[in-house]
Amino acid sequence: MPAIWQRAYDAWFRHVHGSRLIYNTCWEDPRADRALLGVGAGSRIAMITSAGCNALDYLLDDPAEIHCVDLNPRQNALLELKLAALAALSFEDLWALFGRGWHADFVRLYRLLLRPRLTAAAAAYWDRHTHWFDGSGRGSFYFRGASGDVAWFVRRVLGRLRPRLHAQMLELFESRDLATQRERYQRIEPQLFGPLLRLLVRQPATLTLLGVPRAQRDLIAKQYPGGVNAFVQDKLRHLFTEVPVSENYFWRLYLHGAYSESCCPNYLRREHHAVLRERLHRVHLHTTGFADFLESDPGGLTHFVLLDHQDWLVAHDVPALEREWRLILARSAPGARVLMRSAAPEVGFLPSFARTALHALGDDERWHERDRVGTYGSMLLAEVTA
């Protein structure tokens, strides 16, 4: 990519991430995370907020505290809204809002029950965006925000220009066994990876709206055989032939614009409603950089969930990467666990002092390959030993 296009990509990424909600749902599988992290009573978790779904999932493991940290205030505003909805709404209203993606009476519920529970900053944001949840326009909240823009556009293109392919994809998600699923995907794959999709996955505009910075695109382009297009095709082939779609609420969401009662995040399951409501006070939000949060924390953190943000740091700000790792080590309780993902096939960019202080834990089940999202190159789980 020529230097001028690299600068344009970076500038576009900064603009979008500095002005918009990016993620309307989390794109990391909490089932994989919880199996690896071993969270329990007394755990103190520090994590990137994203859309907040996974923090609510971790609450089911009874941690003492969850600190959700995000530079983007809109991501924390979304988690605030979810916390308020869990605290103040009936399960039926919660489901309509975040399961179906819209509520016919949202404006009244918002003003009467939700807004009083929000911080001033979050209230100011949602005051301007109540139409995202009232069923107007695009219908579902999940077709809003940057990632929702892409989902809505692709869905419209498929529905209008490729209705047969769209119908086949809907059929794929009704598969009840892997044999049927594989057969259906094999019929879809040659149609799916045509010129349009190959063009879209190469475009900085598309990747930025999906939250993929140039650093991650470059990691894939340089390290994955065949580059970005091959990476996407191989990941989707694995995902839709080896992982049951009947439980894949991540991809189902963007195809339908809604979850189903049998295929949804844990915070939207009726059986968890009461216990989550009792534990909401354990979630603490911080709109700041991850290192800045750690600078102010007294320490004793038992778990760190870093998502993939260090892919950006290693490409743009190595001193910030090193600062973050020094603070992670300084704020860790004995035996603390660190979980992170990367677009790269291997996480090989950790500073030498961090590698010395960490013991990579075995991943015999290769959880990153069973992750229902399936879009990352690798996952690293390590224990702090020094």
Protein backbone atom coordinates (compact mmCIF):
# COMPACT_ATOMS: atom_id res chain seq x y z
CA MET A 1 0.00 0.00 0.00
CA PRO A 2 1.56 3.36 -1.05
CA ALA A 3 2.50 5.73 1.78
CA ILE A 4 -0.18 8.26 0.84
CA TRP A 5 -2.88 5.57 1.13
CA GLN A 6 -1.43 4.40 4.44
CA ARG A 7 -1.72 7.92 5.83
CA ALA A 8 -5.26 8.24 4.46
CA TYR A 9 -6.25 4.88 6.03
CA ASP A 10 -4.84 5.95 9.41
CA ALA A 11 -6.55 9.34 9.26
CA TRP A 12 -9.90 7.76 8.35
CA PHE A 13 -9.52 5.24 11.19
CA ARG A 14 -8.79 8.00 13.72
CA HIS A 15 -11.78 10.01 12.50
CA VAL A 16 -14.23 7.10 12.69
CA HIS A 17 -13.02 5.86 16.07
CA GLY A 18 -12.98 9.37 17.46
CA SER A 19 -16.54 10.19 16.48
CA ARG A 20 -18.67 7.03 16.36
CA LEU A 21 -19.86 3.95 18.18
CA ILE A 22 -17.89 1.16 16.52
CA TYR A 23 -19.08 -2.09 18.09
CA ASN A 24 -22.76 -2.65 18.84
CA THR A 25 -21.97 -6.16 20.04
CA CYS A 26 -18.79 -7.91 21.18
CA TRP A 27 -16.84 -9.88 18.60
CA GLU A 28 -14.88 -12.08 21.00
CA ASP A 29 -16.36 -15.33 22.25
CA PRO A 30 -16.86 -15.22 26.05
CA ARG A 31 -17.38 -18.97 26.18
CA ALA A 32 -13.80 -19.44 25.06
CA ASP A 33 -12.61 -16.70 27.42
CA ARG A 34 -14.31 -18.11 30.49
CA ALA A 35 -12.96 -21.59 29.84
CA LEU A 36 -9.43 -20.17 29.70
CA LEU A 37 -9.50 -17.47 32.37
CA GLY A 38 -10.75 -19.39 35.38
CA VAL A 39 -12.56 -16.40 36.91
CA GLY A 40 -14.07 -16.93 40.37
CA ALA A 41 -14.97 -15.30 43.65
CA GLY A 42 -12.38 -12.67 44.52
CA SER A 43 -11.27 -12.10 40.92
CA ARG A 44 -10.51 -8.52 39.85
CA ILE A 45 -10.73 -8.21 36.07
CA ALA A 46 -9.44 -5.37 33.88
CA MET A 47 -10.71 -5.52 30.31
CA ILE A 48 -11.42 -3.51 27.18
CA THR A 49 -15.12 -2.61 27.16
CA SER A 50 -16.00 -3.09 23.48
CA ALA A 51 -19.81 -3.43 23.54
CA GLY A 52 -19.95 -4.69 27.13
CA CYS A 53 -21.61 -8.05 26.40
CA ASN A 54 -18.62 -10.07 27.57
CA ALA A 55 -18.22 -8.20 30.84
CA LEU A 56 -21.79 -9.23 31.64
CA ASP A 57 -20.92 -12.81 30.70
CA TYR A 58 -17.95 -12.79 33.10
CA LEU A 59 -20.28 -11.66 35.91
CA LEU A 60 -21.78 -15.15 35.87
CA ASP A 61 -18.47 -16.48 37.26
CA ASP A 62 -18.92 -14.34 40.41
CA PRO A 63 -15.89 -12.01 40.25
CA ALA A 64 -15.45 -9.30 42.88
CA GLU A 65 -14.87 -6.50 40.34
CA ILE A 66 -14.83 -5.97 36.60
CA HIS A 67 -13.15 -2.79 35.36
CA CYS A 68 -14.22 -1.97 31.79
CA VAL A 69 -11.83 0.42 30.10
CA ASP A 70 -12.27 2.08 26.71
CA LEU A 71 -10.93 5.22 25.06
CA ASN A 72 -14.16 5.54 23.07
CA PRO A 73 -16.83 7.03 25.40
CA ARG A 74 -19.59 5.72 23.14
CA GLN A 75 -18.61 2.12 23.91
CA ASN A 76 -18.92 2.80 27.63
CA ALA A 77 -22.21 4.62 27.01
CA LEU A 78 -23.54 1.43 25.41
CA LEU A 79 -22.50 -0.67 28.41
CA GLU A 80 -24.09 1.92 30.70
CA LEU A 81 -27.35 1.53 28.79
CA LYS A 82 -27.19 -2.26 29.13
CA LEU A 83 -26.50 -2.00 32.86
CA ALA A 84 -29.42 0.40 33.26
CA ALA A 85 -31.71 -1.91 31.27
CA LEU A 86 -30.73 -4.93 33.35
CA ALA A 87 -31.35 -2.98 36.56
CA ALA A 88 -34.61 -1.25 35.67
CA LEU A 89 -36.47 -3.21 32.99
CA SER A 90 -38.43 -6.42 32.98
CA PHE A 91 -36.82 -9.30 31.13
CA GLU A 92 -39.36 -8.88 28.30
CA ASP A 93 -38.42 -5.24 27.80
CA LEU A 94 -34.70 -6.06 27.99
CA TRP A 95 -35.17 -8.74 25.35
CA ALA A 96 -37.07 -6.41 23.03
CA LEU A 97 -34.33 -3.81 23.36
CA PHE A 98 -31.19 -5.91 23.00
CA GLY A 99 -32.49 -9.28 21.79
CA ARG A 100 -34.82 -8.13 19.02
CA GLY A 101 -32.96 -4.83 18.60
CA TRP A 102 -35.91 -2.43 18.97
CA HIS A 103 -38.75 -1.54 21.33
CA ALA A 104 -41.92 0.22 20.24
CA ASP A 105 -42.08 2.11 23.56
CA PHE A 106 -38.39 2.82 23.87
CA VAL A 107 -38.55 6.61 24.19
CA ARG A 108 -40.88 6.42 27.19
CA LEU A 109 -38.85 3.67 28.87
CA TYR A 110 -35.67 5.59 28.22
CA ARG A 111 -36.90 8.85 29.73
CA LEU A 112 -38.68 7.23 32.68
CA LEU A 113 -36.43 4.31 33.70
CA LEU A 114 -33.10 4.31 31.86
CA ARG A 115 -31.91 7.90 31.57
CA PRO A 116 -31.99 8.55 35.36
CA ARG A 117 -29.45 5.74 35.80
CA LEU A 118 -26.94 7.07 33.26
CA THR A 119 -24.02 9.41 33.77
CA ALA A 120 -24.38 12.84 32.21
CA ALA A 121 -22.09 11.91 29.33
CA ALA A 122 -23.95 8.70 28.49
CA ALA A 123 -27.34 10.44 28.79
CA ALA A 124 -26.21 13.18 26.41
CA TYR A 125 -25.18 10.54 23.88
CA TRP A 126 -28.37 8.49 24.05
CA ASP A 127 -30.56 11.60 24.05
CA ARG A 128 -29.35 12.06 20.45
CA HIS A 129 -29.74 8.40 19.47
CA THR A 130 -33.06 7.19 20.85
CA HIS A 131 -34.19 6.54 17.25
CA TRP A 132 -31.70 3.68 17.08
CA PHE A 133 -33.97 1.62 19.31
CA ASP A 134 -37.49 2.67 18.31
CA GLY A 135 -37.75 0.46 15.22
CA SER A 136 -37.65 3.30 12.71
CA GLY A 137 -35.30 3.59 9.74
CA ARG A 138 -33.15 0.48 9.57
CA GLY A 139 -35.28 -1.26 12.19
CA SER A 140 -32.74 -2.91 14.44
CA PHE A 141 -30.14 -1.27 16.67
CA TYR A 142 -27.73 -3.87 15.32
CA PHE A 143 -27.74 -2.08 11.97
CA ARG A 144 -26.50 1.10 13.69
CA GLY A 145 -22.99 2.25 14.54
CA ALA A 146 -19.96 1.66 12.34
CA SER A 147 -20.05 -2.15 12.33
CA GLY A 148 -23.82 -2.02 11.92
CA ASP A 149 -23.38 0.14 8.81
CA VAL A 150 -21.39 -2.64 7.16
CA ALA A 151 -23.88 -5.31 8.24
CA TRP A 152 -26.81 -3.27 6.91
CA PHE A 153 -25.08 -2.53 3.60
CA VAL A 154 -24.08 -6.16 2.98
CA ARG A 155 -27.55 -7.37 3.91
CA ARG A 156 -29.16 -4.86 1.51
CA VAL A 157 -26.80 -5.80 -1.31
CA LEU A 158 -27.46 -9.50 -0.83
CA GLY A 159 -31.20 -9.03 -0.55
CA ARG A 160 -31.46 -6.93 -3.71
CA LEU A 161 -28.68 -8.19 -5.96
CA ARG A 162 -28.16 -11.77 -4.76
CA PRO A 163 -31.50 -12.91 -3.32
CA ARG A 164 -30.77 -16.58 -3.97
CA LEU A 165 -27.46 -16.37 -2.09
CA HIS A 166 -29.19 -14.51 0.73
CA ALA A 167 -31.80 -17.26 0.99
CA GLN A 168 -29.07 -19.91 1.02
CA MET A 169 -27.26 -18.14 3.85
CA LEU A 170 -30.46 -18.00 5.88
CA GLU A 171 -30.87 -21.72 5.22
CA LEU A 172 -27.27 -22.34 6.33
CA PHE A 173 -28.05 -20.88 9.76
CA GLU A 174 -30.94 -23.30 10.18
CA SER A 175 -28.59 -26.30 9.93
CA ARG A 176 -28.90 -28.64 12.89
CA ASP A 177 -25.85 -30.81 12.29
CA LEU A 178 -22.35 -30.31 10.89
CA ALA A 179 -22.88 -32.60 7.91
CA THR A 180 -25.80 -30.50 6.65
CA GLN A 181 -23.96 -27.32 7.48
CA ARG A 182 -20.89 -28.37 5.50
CA GLU A 183 -22.94 -29.39 2.49
CA ARG A 184 -24.79 -26.07 2.48
CA TYR A 185 -21.65 -23.99 2.89
CA GLN A 186 -19.88 -25.81 0.07
CA ARG A 187 -22.71 -24.71 -2.24
CA ILE A 188 -22.48 -21.13 -0.97
CA GLU A 189 -18.72 -20.58 -0.92
CA PRO A 190 -18.11 -20.21 -4.69
CA GLN A 191 -20.87 -17.57 -4.86
CA LEU A 192 -19.80 -15.81 -1.68
CA PHE A 193 -16.21 -15.10 -2.67
CA GLY A 194 -16.87 -13.21 -5.85
CA PRO A 195 -15.41 -9.89 -7.01
CA LEU A 196 -17.66 -7.76 -4.77
CA LEU A 197 -16.67 -9.40 -1.48
CA ARG A 198 -13.01 -9.52 -2.47
CA LEU A 199 -13.17 -5.80 -3.20
CA LEU A 200 -14.96 -5.01 0.08
CA VAL A 201 -12.51 -6.86 2.32
CA ARG A 202 -9.60 -4.98 0.76
CA GLN A 203 -11.11 -1.53 1.29
CA PRO A 204 -9.81 0.65 4.15
CA ALA A 205 -13.27 2.21 4.47
CA THR A 206 -14.90 -1.18 5.10
CA LEU A 207 -12.16 -2.42 7.43
CA THR A 208 -12.23 0.80 9.45
CA LEU A 209 -15.98 0.55 10.02
CA LEU A 210 -15.41 -3.00 11.25
CA GLY A 211 -12.76 -1.73 13.68
CA VAL A 212 -9.76 -3.11 11.77
CA PRO A 213 -6.83 -0.65 11.76
CA ARG A 214 -4.15 -0.66 9.07
CA ALA A 215 -1.74 -2.34 11.49
CA GLN A 216 -3.97 -5.42 11.62
CA ARG A 217 -4.58 -5.46 7.90
CA ASP A 218 -0.82 -5.27 7.33
CA LEU A 219 -0.18 -8.11 9.79
CA ILE A 220 -2.53 -10.33 7.84
CA ALA A 221 -1.26 -9.21 4.44
CA LYS A 222 2.37 -9.87 5.40
CA GLN A 223 2.06 -13.03 7.48
CA TYR A 224 -0.88 -14.96 6.07
CA PRO A 225 -0.30 -16.98 2.86
CA GLY A 226 -2.45 -15.43 0.18
CA GLY A 227 -3.04 -12.19 2.09
CA VAL A 228 -6.30 -10.67 3.34
CA ASN A 229 -8.65 -12.39 0.89
CA ALA A 230 -7.23 -15.84 1.65
CA PHE A 231 -7.38 -15.11 5.39
CA VAL A 232 -11.07 -14.21 5.22
CA GLN A 233 -11.95 -17.16 2.99
CA ASP A 234 -10.07 -19.68 5.15
CA LYS A 235 -11.52 -18.30 8.39
CA LEU A 236 -15.08 -18.41 7.10
CA ARG A 237 -14.62 -21.91 5.67
CA HIS A 238 -13.39 -23.16 9.04
CA LEU A 239 -16.11 -21.33 10.92
CA PHE A 240 -18.98 -22.59 8.80
CA THR A 241 -17.79 -26.17 8.38
CA GLU A 242 -16.28 -26.97 11.80
CA VAL A 243 -18.23 -24.86 14.35
CA PRO A 244 -21.99 -25.43 14.78
CA VAL A 245 -23.95 -22.43 13.47
CA SER A 246 -26.92 -23.31 15.69
CA GLU A 247 -25.06 -21.70 18.61
CA ASN A 248 -23.26 -18.96 16.70
CA TYR A 249 -25.13 -15.86 17.82
CA PHE A 250 -22.35 -13.56 16.54
CA TRP A 251 -22.84 -14.15 12.84
CA ARG A 252 -26.55 -14.88 13.12
CA LEU A 253 -27.07 -11.40 14.54
CA TYR A 254 -25.79 -9.55 11.49
CA LEU A 255 -27.68 -11.79 9.08
CA HIS A 256 -31.03 -11.32 10.84
CA GLY A 257 -30.54 -8.07 12.77
CA ALA A 258 -31.69 -9.87 15.92
CA TYR A 259 -30.85 -12.77 18.19
CA SER A 260 -33.11 -15.75 18.78
CA GLU A 261 -34.05 -16.99 22.25
CA SER A 262 -31.96 -20.13 21.74
CA CYS A 263 -29.02 -18.33 20.14
CA CYS A 264 -28.02 -15.22 22.06
CA PRO A 265 -25.51 -13.89 24.63
CA ASN A 266 -25.92 -15.06 28.21
CA TYR A 267 -27.04 -11.66 29.47
CA LEU A 268 -30.16 -12.07 27.31
CA ARG A 269 -31.13 -15.44 28.76
CA ARG A 270 -34.00 -15.37 31.23
CA GLU A 271 -32.31 -17.80 33.62
CA HIS A 272 -29.44 -15.34 34.22
CA HIS A 273 -31.53 -12.19 34.65
CA ALA A 274 -31.83 -12.24 38.45
CA VAL A 275 -28.22 -13.07 39.24
CA LEU A 276 -26.87 -10.46 36.82
CA ARG A 277 -29.13 -7.82 38.34
CA GLU A 278 -27.70 -8.63 41.79
CA ARG A 279 -24.10 -8.27 40.58
CA LEU A 280 -24.29 -5.16 38.35
CA HIS A 281 -22.64 -2.99 41.01
CA ARG A 282 -19.42 -4.95 40.50
CA VAL A 283 -18.94 -3.46 37.00
CA HIS A 284 -16.94 -0.21 36.92
CA LEU A 285 -16.49 1.89 33.77
CA HIS A 286 -13.41 3.95 32.90
CA THR A 287 -13.23 6.13 29.79
CA THR A 288 -9.48 6.35 29.37
CA GLY A 289 -6.52 4.46 27.93
CA PHE A 290 -5.77 1.05 29.36
CA ALA A 291 -2.34 2.09 30.64
CA ASP A 292 -3.78 5.25 32.21
CA PHE A 293 -6.35 3.16 34.05
CA LEU A 294 -3.62 0.84 35.32
CA GLU A 295 -1.59 3.83 36.46
CA SER A 296 -4.40 4.76 38.86
CA ASP A 297 -5.35 1.25 40.01
CA PRO A 298 -3.94 0.08 43.36
CA GLY A 299 -3.06 -3.34 41.98
CA GLY A 300 -4.05 -6.88 42.81
CA LEU A 301 -5.70 -7.45 39.42
CA THR A 302 -6.14 -11.15 38.71
CA HIS A 303 -7.21 -11.09 35.04
CA PHE A 304 -6.46 -8.89 32.04
CA VAL A 305 -8.52 -9.18 28.85
CA LEU A 306 -6.73 -7.09 26.24
CA LEU A 307 -8.69 -8.06 23.11
CA ASP A 308 -6.54 -7.14 20.09
CA HIS A 309 -5.62 -3.50 20.74
CA GLN A 310 -1.90 -4.26 21.05
CA ASP A 311 -1.78 -4.99 17.31
CA TRP A 312 -2.24 -1.24 16.88
CA LEU A 313 0.27 -0.30 19.59
CA VAL A 314 3.08 -2.40 18.18
CA ALA A 315 2.70 -0.69 14.79
CA HIS A 316 2.20 2.89 15.99
CA ASP A 317 3.50 3.39 19.53
CA VAL A 318 6.03 0.87 20.85
CA PRO A 319 6.85 3.01 23.93
CA ALA A 320 3.14 2.93 24.83
CA LEU A 321 3.14 -0.84 24.35
CA GLU A 322 6.09 -1.18 26.71
CA ARG A 323 4.49 1.16 29.26
CA GLU A 324 1.30 -0.88 29.21
CA TRP A 325 3.15 -4.14 29.83
CA ARG A 326 5.18 -2.66 32.69
CA LEU A 327 1.94 -1.53 34.31
CA ILE A 328 0.23 -4.88 33.73
CA LEU A 329 3.10 -6.61 35.51
CA ALA A 330 3.16 -4.03 38.31
CA ARG A 331 -0.60 -4.27 38.94
CA SER A 332 -0.86 -8.06 38.75
CA ALA A 333 -1.76 -10.27 41.66
CA PRO A 334 0.38 -13.45 41.96
CA GLY A 335 -0.55 -15.82 39.15
CA ALA A 336 -2.64 -13.26 37.26
CA ARG A 337 -3.79 -14.36 33.81
CA VAL A 338 -3.55 -12.31 30.63
CA LEU A 339 -5.70 -13.09 27.61
CA MET A 340 -5.19 -11.36 24.29
CA ARG A 341 -5.97 -11.87 20.62
CA SER A 342 -4.16 -10.84 17.46
CA ALA A 343 -4.71 -10.73 13.73
CA ALA A 344 -1.26 -12.34 13.40
CA PRO A 345 -0.88 -16.14 13.35
CA GLU A 346 1.30 -15.78 16.46
CA VAL A 347 1.60 -13.08 19.12
CA GLY A 348 5.32 -12.47 18.71
CA PHE A 349 5.58 -8.77 19.44
CA LEU A 350 5.66 -8.72 23.24
CA PRO A 351 8.57 -6.77 24.76
CA SER A 352 11.38 -9.03 25.97
CA PHE A 353 10.84 -8.11 29.63
CA ALA A 354 7.17 -9.12 29.32
CA ARG A 355 8.00 -12.45 27.72
CA THR A 356 10.41 -13.13 30.59
CA ALA A 357 7.72 -12.40 33.19
CA LEU A 358 5.00 -14.48 31.50
CA HIS A 359 4.41 -18.20 31.25
CA ALA A 360 2.30 -19.14 28.26
CA LEU A 361 -0.34 -21.63 29.30
CA GLY A 362 -1.12 -24.60 27.12
CA ASP A 363 -4.00 -24.30 24.71
CA ASP A 364 -4.35 -27.97 23.86
CA GLU A 365 -7.91 -27.50 22.70
CA ARG A 366 -6.85 -24.58 20.48
CA TRP A 367 -9.69 -22.41 21.66
CA HIS A 368 -9.02 -19.70 19.10
CA GLU A 369 -10.01 -22.22 16.41
CA ARG A 370 -13.23 -23.10 18.22
CA ASP A 371 -14.11 -19.46 18.87
CA ARG A 372 -17.55 -18.84 17.38
CA VAL A 373 -16.44 -15.49 15.94
CA GLY A 374 -13.50 -17.08 14.18
CA THR A 375 -11.88 -13.95 12.76
CA TYR A 376 -8.62 -13.75 14.73
CA GLY A 377 -5.29 -15.22 13.78
CA SER A 378 -4.31 -16.29 17.30
CA MET A 379 -5.10 -16.13 20.99
CA LEU A 380 -2.56 -15.96 23.81
CA LEU A 381 -3.21 -16.98 27.39
CA ALA A 382 -0.34 -16.40 29.84
CA GLU A 383 0.25 -16.34 33.58
CA VAL A 384 2.31 -13.66 35.27
CA THR A 385 5.19 -15.40 37.05
CA ALA A 386 7.41 -12.45 38.05
